[in-house]
Amino acid sequence: MIALAAGWPLVLMARVLDRFGKGLRSSPRDALLGDSIESRFRGRAFGWHRGMDTLGAVVGPLLALFLFQGNLRQIFLFAFIPGAIGAALVLTLREPPRKKTVNPPSIALRNLPPSFRRYLLAWGAFSIANSSDVFLIMKAKEIGFSTSLVIVLYMLYNLIYAAASPSLGHLSDRIGRKKVLVSGLAILALVYLGFALARHPWQIWGLFAIYGLYTAATDGVGKAFAVDLVPADIRGSALGMLGTVTGLAALFASSIAGLPWSLFGSWAAFAYGALGALVGSLLLKRVIPDTEA
């Protein structure tokens, strides 16, 4: 649709459909991944998934730009081909048979396991302060980075995220998900504090690199932890609820972070984010018993 668009209305419609599709596919995909692997390997599996997905997000755009020299319409037409192949390949997957129940489990919050509800609480509290990556890019531009260098910065972040995800997922299998998640949120608090104080380009390079470690320690591991905390028959529902809480909180966080940036400067927005990450890590450490982590 974007490749064929002659104006912004069709592009807007395509983007809305894209986000709807992401909401539709993400939770079933993660539940399918959780069903397909033993618990002792689950962190590693989610880590590899996030790593390969992110590596593709780096290689794909670079390949498209190299092949089509910035012709966006041709790039989107080309991207349709591997996208269609990927969608077709999903049809070849086989799920384990499920028992049909007369009364399927309810997804009401009160019917979810208490440990998962506590996890939602801690993750939601953190997500309220976890603003969009656009603020990091705005900070880099404020320091003096050109648009080209900002793209390179984001590539650096994604490369580190992709490279570290399998290892940190494996680490969560060995020492527990909670320890890795709490450490990841603590890293984010330090990174946001660094962005609040950063004044030189070399500092931005280092902060973007460390930011990749935070994402690797929380994205796949966080989903694996959610799968661990719920019975198999409601994994899709639980992951969908986690995605809803994260998405709504992120929208709120980005709206709120823009206010202190406008009133006091960039440091205030990142100080807000650092505080939220710290609160989230403390909540996660307190509300989830070690026996469930």
Protein backbone atom coordinates (compact mmCIF):
# COMPACT_ATOMS: atom_id res chain seq x y z
CA MET A 1 0.00 0.00 0.00
CA ILE A 2 2.82 2.42 0.80
CA ALA A 3 4.59 1.60 -2.46
CA LEU A 4 1.43 2.33 -4.43
CA ALA A 5 0.38 5.41 -2.45
CA ALA A 6 -0.01 8.71 -4.30
CA GLY A 7 -0.57 10.74 -1.11
CA TRP A 8 -0.49 10.64 2.67
CA PRO A 9 -4.02 9.22 3.34
CA LEU A 10 -3.12 5.80 1.93
CA VAL A 11 0.21 5.86 3.79
CA LEU A 12 -1.64 6.66 7.03
CA MET A 13 -4.08 3.82 6.40
CA ALA A 14 -1.19 1.45 5.71
CA ARG A 15 0.58 2.44 8.94
CA VAL A 16 -2.60 1.93 10.97
CA LEU A 17 -3.02 -1.52 9.41
CA ASP A 18 0.66 -2.22 10.11
CA ARG A 19 0.27 -1.45 13.82
CA PHE A 20 -2.96 -3.44 13.96
CA GLY A 21 -1.13 -6.35 12.35
CA LYS A 22 1.67 -6.09 14.89
CA GLY A 23 -0.84 -6.26 17.74
CA LEU A 24 -2.55 -9.20 16.06
CA ARG A 25 0.58 -11.26 15.45
CA SER A 26 2.96 -10.50 18.33
CA SER A 27 1.19 -12.26 21.20
CA PRO A 28 0.32 -15.46 19.26
CA ARG A 29 3.88 -15.57 17.90
CA ASP A 30 5.41 -15.27 21.36
CA ALA A 31 2.95 -17.82 22.77
CA LEU A 32 3.85 -20.21 19.93
CA LEU A 33 7.52 -19.72 20.72
CA GLY A 34 6.87 -20.35 24.40
CA ASP A 35 4.94 -23.55 23.58
CA SER A 36 7.74 -24.81 21.34
CA ILE A 37 10.58 -24.81 23.85
CA GLU A 38 11.25 -26.24 27.30
CA SER A 39 11.29 -23.76 30.18
CA ARG A 40 15.02 -24.27 30.80
CA PHE A 41 15.79 -23.06 27.26
CA ARG A 42 13.06 -20.42 26.99
CA GLY A 43 15.19 -17.35 27.68
CA ARG A 44 17.73 -18.43 25.08
CA ALA A 45 14.96 -19.03 22.51
CA PHE A 46 13.40 -15.62 23.04
CA GLY A 47 16.87 -14.07 22.99
CA TRP A 48 17.68 -15.65 19.63
CA HIS A 49 14.33 -14.53 18.25
CA ARG A 50 14.90 -10.91 19.30
CA GLY A 51 18.51 -11.02 18.10
CA MET A 52 17.66 -12.34 14.63
CA ASP A 53 14.69 -10.01 14.28
CA THR A 54 16.81 -7.00 15.19
CA LEU A 55 19.69 -8.07 12.96
CA GLY A 56 17.21 -8.25 10.11
CA ALA A 57 16.06 -4.73 10.96
CA VAL A 58 19.66 -3.56 10.41
CA VAL A 59 20.61 -5.62 7.36
CA GLY A 60 17.29 -5.24 5.53
CA PRO A 61 17.20 -1.45 5.28
CA LEU A 62 20.91 -1.27 4.44
CA LEU A 63 20.45 -3.84 1.67
CA ALA A 64 17.42 -2.01 0.32
CA LEU A 65 19.20 1.35 0.31
CA PHE A 66 22.22 -0.17 -1.43
CA LEU A 67 20.15 -1.92 -4.10
CA PHE A 68 17.73 0.89 -4.85
CA GLN A 69 19.79 4.02 -4.08
CA GLY A 70 17.15 5.63 -1.91
CA ASN A 71 14.15 5.04 -4.24
CA LEU A 72 11.59 4.54 -1.48
CA ARG A 73 8.79 3.28 -3.74
CA GLN A 74 11.02 0.50 -5.11
CA ILE A 75 12.26 -0.30 -1.59
CA PHE A 76 8.71 -0.87 -0.35
CA LEU A 77 7.85 -2.99 -3.38
CA PHE A 78 10.97 -5.10 -2.79
CA ALA A 79 10.13 -5.44 0.93
CA PHE A 80 6.73 -6.89 0.02
CA ILE A 81 8.40 -10.03 -1.39
CA PRO A 82 10.21 -11.35 1.72
CA GLY A 83 7.25 -10.20 3.82
CA ALA A 84 4.86 -12.33 1.75
CA ILE A 85 7.25 -15.30 1.89
CA GLY A 86 7.49 -15.00 5.66
CA ALA A 87 3.70 -14.90 6.01
CA ALA A 88 3.40 -18.01 3.79
CA LEU A 89 6.04 -19.91 5.79
CA VAL A 90 4.01 -19.43 8.97
CA LEU A 91 1.36 -21.69 7.42
CA THR A 92 3.86 -24.58 7.46
CA LEU A 93 4.20 -24.53 11.25
CA ARG A 94 2.45 -27.21 13.26
CA GLU A 95 1.08 -26.51 16.69
CA PRO A 96 0.61 -29.19 19.33
CA PRO A 97 -3.07 -30.25 19.51
CA ARG A 98 -5.14 -28.34 22.04
CA LYS A 99 -7.97 -29.72 24.09
CA LYS A 100 -11.30 -28.10 23.28
CA THR A 101 -13.01 -26.85 26.42
CA VAL A 102 -16.67 -25.96 26.83
CA ASN A 103 -15.77 -22.96 28.99
CA PRO A 104 -12.46 -21.49 27.81
CA PRO A 105 -10.39 -19.68 30.47
CA SER A 106 -11.37 -16.07 31.07
CA ILE A 107 -8.82 -13.32 30.46
CA ALA A 108 -10.22 -11.17 33.28
CA LEU A 109 -7.35 -9.69 35.29
CA ARG A 110 -8.63 -11.26 38.51
CA ASN A 111 -8.39 -14.73 36.97
CA LEU A 112 -4.72 -14.41 36.06
CA PRO A 113 -2.09 -15.88 38.43
CA PRO A 114 -1.14 -13.46 41.25
CA SER A 115 2.53 -13.59 40.26
CA PHE A 116 1.66 -12.43 36.74
CA ARG A 117 -0.53 -9.60 38.08
CA ARG A 118 2.37 -8.42 40.21
CA TYR A 119 4.63 -8.59 37.18
CA LEU A 120 2.16 -6.46 35.18
CA LEU A 121 2.13 -3.93 38.01
CA ALA A 122 5.92 -3.62 38.12
CA TRP A 123 6.31 -3.57 34.34
CA GLY A 124 3.49 -1.05 33.92
CA ALA A 125 5.02 1.27 36.52
CA PHE A 126 8.31 1.20 34.64
CA SER A 127 6.69 1.61 31.22
CA ILE A 128 4.92 4.81 32.31
CA ALA A 129 8.35 6.45 32.34
CA ASN A 130 9.87 4.55 29.39
CA SER A 131 9.47 7.11 26.61
CA SER A 132 10.06 6.62 22.88
CA ASP A 133 13.54 6.21 21.38
CA VAL A 134 12.79 9.41 19.46
CA PHE A 135 13.90 11.33 22.55
CA LEU A 136 17.34 9.69 22.34
CA ILE A 137 17.60 10.72 18.70
CA MET A 138 16.52 14.27 19.58
CA LYS A 139 19.26 14.37 22.22
CA ALA A 140 21.85 13.26 19.68
CA LYS A 141 20.68 15.99 17.30
CA GLU A 142 20.86 18.50 20.15
CA ILE A 143 24.50 17.56 20.76
CA GLY A 144 25.25 18.16 17.07
CA PHE A 145 24.88 14.80 15.28
CA SER A 146 23.89 14.94 11.62
CA THR A 147 21.00 12.83 10.30
CA SER A 148 23.49 10.38 8.75
CA LEU A 149 25.36 9.95 12.03
CA VAL A 150 22.08 9.47 13.89
CA ILE A 151 21.31 6.54 11.56
CA VAL A 152 24.74 5.08 12.32
CA LEU A 153 24.09 5.56 16.04
CA TYR A 154 20.84 3.66 15.82
CA MET A 155 22.54 0.91 13.84
CA LEU A 156 25.15 0.61 16.61
CA TYR A 157 22.37 0.28 19.17
CA ASN A 158 20.58 -2.40 17.12
CA LEU A 159 23.77 -4.36 16.46
CA ILE A 160 24.62 -4.55 20.15
CA TYR A 161 21.02 -5.40 20.96
CA ALA A 162 21.04 -8.21 18.38
CA ALA A 163 24.44 -9.55 19.46
CA ALA A 164 23.70 -9.54 23.20
CA SER A 165 20.13 -10.89 23.16
CA PRO A 166 20.96 -14.63 22.88
CA SER A 167 23.62 -14.47 25.60
CA LEU A 168 21.47 -12.51 28.04
CA GLY A 169 18.52 -14.78 27.31
CA HIS A 170 20.74 -17.78 28.10
CA LEU A 171 21.89 -16.03 31.27
CA SER A 172 18.25 -15.71 32.37
CA ASP A 173 17.90 -19.49 31.98
CA ARG A 174 20.84 -19.98 34.32
CA ILE A 175 20.42 -17.35 37.05
CA GLY A 176 16.72 -16.47 36.76
CA ARG A 177 14.71 -13.99 34.71
CA LYS A 178 14.19 -11.50 37.54
CA LYS A 179 17.89 -10.91 38.12
CA VAL A 180 18.50 -10.17 34.45
CA LEU A 181 15.43 -7.92 34.20
CA VAL A 182 16.29 -5.95 37.34
CA SER A 183 19.85 -5.51 36.08
CA GLY A 184 18.55 -4.34 32.71
CA LEU A 185 16.31 -1.71 34.28
CA ALA A 186 19.18 -0.54 36.48
CA ILE A 187 21.30 -0.15 33.33
CA LEU A 188 18.52 1.91 31.75
CA ALA A 189 18.36 4.20 34.78
CA LEU A 190 22.11 4.84 34.45
CA VAL A 191 21.82 5.34 30.69
CA TYR A 192 19.02 7.89 31.07
CA LEU A 193 21.04 9.67 33.76
CA GLY A 194 23.94 9.72 31.31
CA PHE A 195 21.74 11.23 28.58
CA ALA A 196 20.57 13.87 31.04
CA LEU A 197 24.18 14.91 31.73
CA ALA A 198 25.74 14.27 28.29
CA ARG A 199 27.42 17.23 26.62
CA HIS A 200 29.86 15.65 24.13
CA PRO A 201 29.46 13.35 21.08
CA TRP A 202 31.69 10.59 22.50
CA GLN A 203 29.32 10.28 25.44
CA ILE A 204 26.37 9.76 23.11
CA TRP A 205 28.21 6.96 21.26
CA GLY A 206 28.84 5.13 24.53
CA LEU A 207 25.31 5.64 25.83
CA PHE A 208 23.69 4.28 22.67
CA ALA A 209 25.92 1.21 22.89
CA ILE A 210 24.98 0.55 26.54
CA TYR A 211 21.33 1.20 25.71
CA GLY A 212 21.52 -1.83 23.41
CA LEU A 213 22.50 -3.97 26.42
CA TYR A 214 19.44 -2.75 28.35
CA THR A 215 17.07 -3.75 25.53
CA ALA A 216 18.77 -7.14 25.13
CA ALA A 217 18.37 -7.77 28.87
CA THR A 218 14.66 -6.91 28.99
CA ASP A 219 12.83 -7.43 25.69
CA GLY A 220 13.02 -11.18 25.07
CA VAL A 221 13.67 -12.00 28.73
CA GLY A 222 10.58 -10.05 29.77
CA LYS A 223 8.38 -12.09 27.42
CA ALA A 224 9.97 -15.36 28.51
CA PHE A 225 9.27 -14.39 32.14
CA ALA A 226 5.61 -13.69 31.31
CA VAL A 227 5.32 -17.14 29.71
CA ASP A 228 6.88 -18.71 32.81
CA LEU A 229 4.28 -17.13 35.10
CA VAL A 230 1.08 -18.34 33.43
CA PRO A 231 -0.43 -21.75 32.51
CA ALA A 232 -0.03 -22.91 28.92
CA ASP A 233 -3.72 -22.44 28.05
CA ILE A 234 -3.65 -18.65 28.64
CA ARG A 235 -0.18 -17.74 27.37
CA GLY A 236 -1.50 -15.85 24.35
CA SER A 237 -3.96 -13.90 26.50
CA ALA A 238 -1.30 -13.03 29.08
CA LEU A 239 1.19 -11.88 26.45
CA GLY A 240 -1.53 -9.81 24.79
CA MET A 241 -2.29 -8.14 28.11
CA LEU A 242 1.41 -7.46 28.66
CA GLY A 243 1.58 -5.86 25.20
CA THR A 244 -1.47 -3.71 25.91
CA VAL A 245 -0.07 -2.46 29.22
CA THR A 246 3.30 -1.74 27.61
CA GLY A 247 1.81 0.05 24.60
CA LEU A 248 -0.62 2.24 26.54
CA ALA A 249 2.02 3.11 29.14
CA ALA A 250 4.56 3.97 26.40
CA LEU A 251 2.07 6.35 24.78
CA PHE A 252 1.54 8.02 28.14
CA ALA A 253 5.29 8.09 28.86
CA SER A 254 6.17 9.82 25.59
CA SER A 255 3.42 12.41 26.09
CA ILE A 256 4.60 13.13 29.61
CA ALA A 257 8.33 13.21 28.76
CA GLY A 258 7.76 15.91 26.16
CA LEU A 259 6.44 18.29 28.82
CA PRO A 260 9.58 18.56 31.03
CA TRP A 261 11.72 18.65 27.86
CA SER A 262 9.77 21.70 26.66
CA LEU A 263 9.70 23.42 30.05
CA PHE A 264 13.16 22.69 31.47
CA GLY A 265 15.26 21.08 28.75
CA SER A 266 16.26 17.58 27.68
CA TRP A 267 17.86 16.75 31.04
CA ALA A 268 14.46 16.83 32.76
CA ALA A 269 12.89 14.30 30.36
CA PHE A 270 15.75 11.85 30.91
CA ALA A 271 15.73 12.41 34.67
CA TYR A 272 12.05 11.42 34.62
CA GLY A 273 12.93 8.29 32.65
CA ALA A 274 15.79 7.39 34.99
CA LEU A 275 13.51 7.69 38.01
CA GLY A 276 10.90 5.48 36.36
CA ALA A 277 13.47 2.80 35.49
CA LEU A 278 14.75 2.83 39.06
CA VAL A 279 11.23 2.52 40.50
CA GLY A 280 10.45 -0.29 38.07
CA SER A 281 13.57 -2.24 39.01
CA LEU A 282 12.83 -1.88 42.74
CA LEU A 283 9.19 -2.92 42.26
CA LEU A 284 10.20 -5.93 40.19
CA LYS A 285 12.69 -6.96 42.85
CA ARG A 286 10.14 -6.59 45.67
CA VAL A 287 6.85 -7.84 44.23
CA ILE A 288 8.11 -11.03 42.53
CA PRO A 289 9.36 -13.59 45.06
CA ASP A 290 12.65 -15.28 44.20
CA THR A 291 10.85 -18.63 44.13
CA GLU A 292 8.87 -17.42 41.07
CA ALA A 293 11.81 -15.77 39.30
